[in-house]
Amino acid sequence: MKQSTKNKSAAKNTVTDVRDDEKPNIDNESLMISLGDAAQMLGIHRTTAWAIHDRGDFPVPVIKVGGHWRVVRAHLHHFINTGETVTLPFNPVSDSTFTAR
């Protein structure tokens, strides 16, 4: 059975709206970001980040919040600035360039 053109464009608009919500959130001051956004900040592909996470080797803790996996921005900045992996509990050094509000 063939769908009408009107229904196809309505479905297309719905998909586009969902994709707009998935845009990277790396430039604002949110305290947590998605694993995909963390991958972008690290300069790796999101599937690579997921593979590293799945084998337990992601350099910072990845926390499940609701149905989403998130990374604490301060942890990621610490890793990027120092090259040191982060484990919980996290106690950053005082000269860190990132300060959470």
C-alpha atoms as a PDB file:
ATOM      1  CA  MET A   1       0.000   0.000   0.000  1.00  0.00           C
ATOM      2  CA  LYS A   2       1.390   3.388  -1.010  1.00  0.00           C
ATOM      3  CA  GLN A   3       1.666   6.286   1.469  1.00  0.00           C
ATOM      4  CA  SER A   4       0.441   9.686   0.405  1.00  0.00           C
ATOM      5  CA  THR A   5       2.990  12.472  -0.096  1.00  0.00           C
ATOM      6  CA  LYS A   6       1.386  14.469   2.703  1.00  0.00           C
ATOM      7  CA  ASN A   7       1.952  11.644   5.219  1.00  0.00           C
ATOM      8  CA  LYS A   8       5.545  11.189   4.065  1.00  0.00           C
ATOM      9  CA  SER A   9       6.423  14.835   4.651  1.00  0.00           C
ATOM     10  CA  ALA A  10       4.712  14.799   8.053  1.00  0.00           C
ATOM     11  CA  ALA A  11       6.803  11.768   9.029  1.00  0.00           C
ATOM     12  CA  LYS A  12       9.910  13.441   7.639  1.00  0.00           C
ATOM     13  CA  ASN A  13       9.269  16.577   9.729  1.00  0.00           C
ATOM     14  CA  THR A  14       8.899  14.444  12.845  1.00  0.00           C
ATOM     15  CA  VAL A  15      12.229  12.712  12.218  1.00  0.00           C
ATOM     16  CA  THR A  16      13.897  16.066  11.558  1.00  0.00           C
ATOM     17  CA  ASP A  17      12.519  17.472  14.823  1.00  0.00           C
ATOM     18  CA  VAL A  18      13.976  14.554  16.778  1.00  0.00           C
ATOM     19  CA  ARG A  19      17.352  14.943  15.078  1.00  0.00           C
ATOM     20  CA  ASP A  20      17.445  18.659  15.993  1.00  0.00           C
ATOM     21  CA  ASP A  21      17.263  17.613  19.669  1.00  0.00           C
ATOM     22  CA  GLU A  22      20.279  15.352  19.185  1.00  0.00           C
ATOM     23  CA  LYS A  23      22.655  18.126  18.097  1.00  0.00           C
ATOM     24  CA  PRO A  24      25.933  18.153  20.057  1.00  0.00           C
ATOM     25  CA  ASN A  25      25.716  19.967  23.368  1.00  0.00           C
ATOM     26  CA  ILE A  26      29.415  20.706  23.853  1.00  0.00           C
ATOM     27  CA  ASP A  27      29.516  24.509  23.770  1.00  0.00           C
ATOM     28  CA  ASN A  28      27.184  25.420  26.628  1.00  0.00           C
ATOM     29  CA  GLU A  29      27.808  25.091  30.344  1.00  0.00           C
ATOM     30  CA  SER A  30      25.856  21.898  31.074  1.00  0.00           C
ATOM     31  CA  LEU A  31      27.463  19.788  33.775  1.00  0.00           C
ATOM     32  CA  MET A  32      26.854  16.515  31.944  1.00  0.00           C
ATOM     33  CA  ILE A  33      27.076  15.644  28.265  1.00  0.00           C
ATOM     34  CA  SER A  34      26.212  12.587  26.210  1.00  0.00           C
ATOM     35  CA  LEU A  35      28.780   9.932  25.400  1.00  0.00           C
ATOM     36  CA  GLY A  36      28.540  10.985  21.741  1.00  0.00           C
ATOM     37  CA  ASP A  37      29.325  14.602  22.629  1.00  0.00           C
ATOM     38  CA  ALA A  38      32.236  13.435  24.784  1.00  0.00           C
ATOM     39  CA  ALA A  39      33.529  11.486  21.797  1.00  0.00           C
ATOM     40  CA  GLN A  40      33.384  14.629  19.687  1.00  0.00           C
ATOM     41  CA  MET A  41      35.375  16.550  22.305  1.00  0.00           C
ATOM     42  CA  LEU A  42      37.963  13.751  22.328  1.00  0.00           C
ATOM     43  CA  GLY A  43      38.145  13.759  18.540  1.00  0.00           C
ATOM     44  CA  ILE A  44      36.936  10.183  18.113  1.00  0.00           C
ATOM     45  CA  HIS A  45      33.876   8.750  16.409  1.00  0.00           C
ATOM     46  CA  ARG A  46      30.876   8.063  18.641  1.00  0.00           C
ATOM     47  CA  THR A  47      30.885   4.353  17.744  1.00  0.00           C
ATOM     48  CA  THR A  48      34.512   4.181  18.864  1.00  0.00           C
ATOM     49  CA  ALA A  49      33.533   5.824  22.161  1.00  0.00           C
ATOM     50  CA  TRP A  50      30.742   3.281  22.634  1.00  0.00           C
ATOM     51  CA  ALA A  51      33.120   0.400  21.874  1.00  0.00           C
ATOM     52  CA  ILE A  52      35.642   1.733  24.416  1.00  0.00           C
ATOM     53  CA  HIS A  53      32.838   2.175  26.971  1.00  0.00           C
ATOM     54  CA  ASP A  54      31.451  -1.317  26.326  1.00  0.00           C
ATOM     55  CA  ARG A  55      34.819  -2.922  27.084  1.00  0.00           C
ATOM     56  CA  GLY A  56      35.187  -0.805  30.241  1.00  0.00           C
ATOM     57  CA  ASP A  57      38.124   1.324  29.079  1.00  0.00           C
ATOM     58  CA  PHE A  58      36.549   4.780  28.708  1.00  0.00           C
ATOM     59  CA  PRO A  59      38.917   7.228  30.457  1.00  0.00           C
ATOM     60  CA  VAL A  60      36.177   8.871  32.553  1.00  0.00           C
ATOM     61  CA  PRO A  61      33.121   7.455  34.324  1.00  0.00           C
ATOM     62  CA  VAL A  62      30.036   7.072  32.134  1.00  0.00           C
ATOM     63  CA  ILE A  63      26.868   7.348  34.196  1.00  0.00           C
ATOM     64  CA  LYS A  64      23.374   6.222  33.247  1.00  0.00           C
ATOM     65  CA  VAL A  65      20.869   9.001  33.931  1.00  0.00           C
ATOM     66  CA  GLY A  66      17.344   7.882  33.183  1.00  0.00           C
ATOM     67  CA  GLY A  67      17.656   6.125  29.851  1.00  0.00           C
ATOM     68  CA  HIS A  68      20.731   8.073  28.714  1.00  0.00           C
ATOM     69  CA  TRP A  69      24.460   7.580  29.232  1.00  0.00           C
ATOM     70  CA  ARG A  70      26.211  10.773  30.373  1.00  0.00           C
ATOM     71  CA  VAL A  71      29.725  11.993  31.110  1.00  0.00           C
ATOM     72  CA  VAL A  72      30.490  14.652  33.715  1.00  0.00           C
ATOM     73  CA  ARG A  73      32.042  17.578  31.854  1.00  0.00           C
ATOM     74  CA  ALA A  74      34.591  18.270  34.641  1.00  0.00           C
ATOM     75  CA  HIS A  75      35.837  14.667  34.425  1.00  0.00           C
ATOM     76  CA  LEU A  76      36.293  14.950  30.677  1.00  0.00           C
ATOM     77  CA  HIS A  77      38.091  18.301  30.967  1.00  0.00           C
ATOM     78  CA  HIS A  78      40.394  16.820  33.608  1.00  0.00           C
ATOM     79  CA  PHE A  79      41.279  13.929  31.296  1.00  0.00           C
ATOM     80  CA  ILE A  80      41.803  16.230  28.302  1.00  0.00           C
ATOM     81  CA  ASN A  81      44.003  18.638  30.303  1.00  0.00           C
ATOM     82  CA  THR A  82      46.093  16.079  32.202  1.00  0.00           C
ATOM     83  CA  GLY A  83      45.819  12.794  30.316  1.00  0.00           C
ATOM     84  CA  GLU A  84      44.924  11.116  33.621  1.00  0.00           C
ATOM     85  CA  THR A  85      41.966   8.768  33.673  1.00  0.00           C
ATOM     86  CA  VAL A  86      39.242   9.623  36.157  1.00  0.00           C
ATOM     87  CA  THR A  87      37.763   7.228  38.674  1.00  0.00           C
ATOM     88  CA  LEU A  88      35.143   7.836  41.331  1.00  0.00           C
ATOM     89  CA  PRO A  89      35.344   9.473  43.809  1.00  0.00           C
ATOM     90  CA  PHE A  90      36.855  12.324  41.808  1.00  0.00           C
ATOM     91  CA  ASN A  91      39.077  14.918  43.508  1.00  0.00           C
ATOM     92  CA  PRO A  92      40.432  17.361  40.915  1.00  0.00           C
ATOM     93  CA  VAL A  93      43.623  19.298  41.560  1.00  0.00           C
ATOM     94  CA  SER A  94      43.104  22.948  42.458  1.00  0.00           C
ATOM     95  CA  ASP A  95      44.791  24.285  39.304  1.00  0.00           C
ATOM     96  CA  SER A  96      42.175  22.734  36.996  1.00  0.00           C
ATOM     97  CA  THR A  97      41.105  25.062  34.190  1.00  0.00           C
ATOM     98  CA  PHE A  98      37.470  24.013  34.537  1.00  0.00           C
ATOM     99  CA  THR A  99      35.312  25.190  37.398  1.00  0.00           C
ATOM    100  CA  ALA A 100      31.746  23.963  37.795  1.00  0.00           C
ATOM    101  CA  ARG A 101      29.182  26.500  38.946  1.00  0.00           C
END
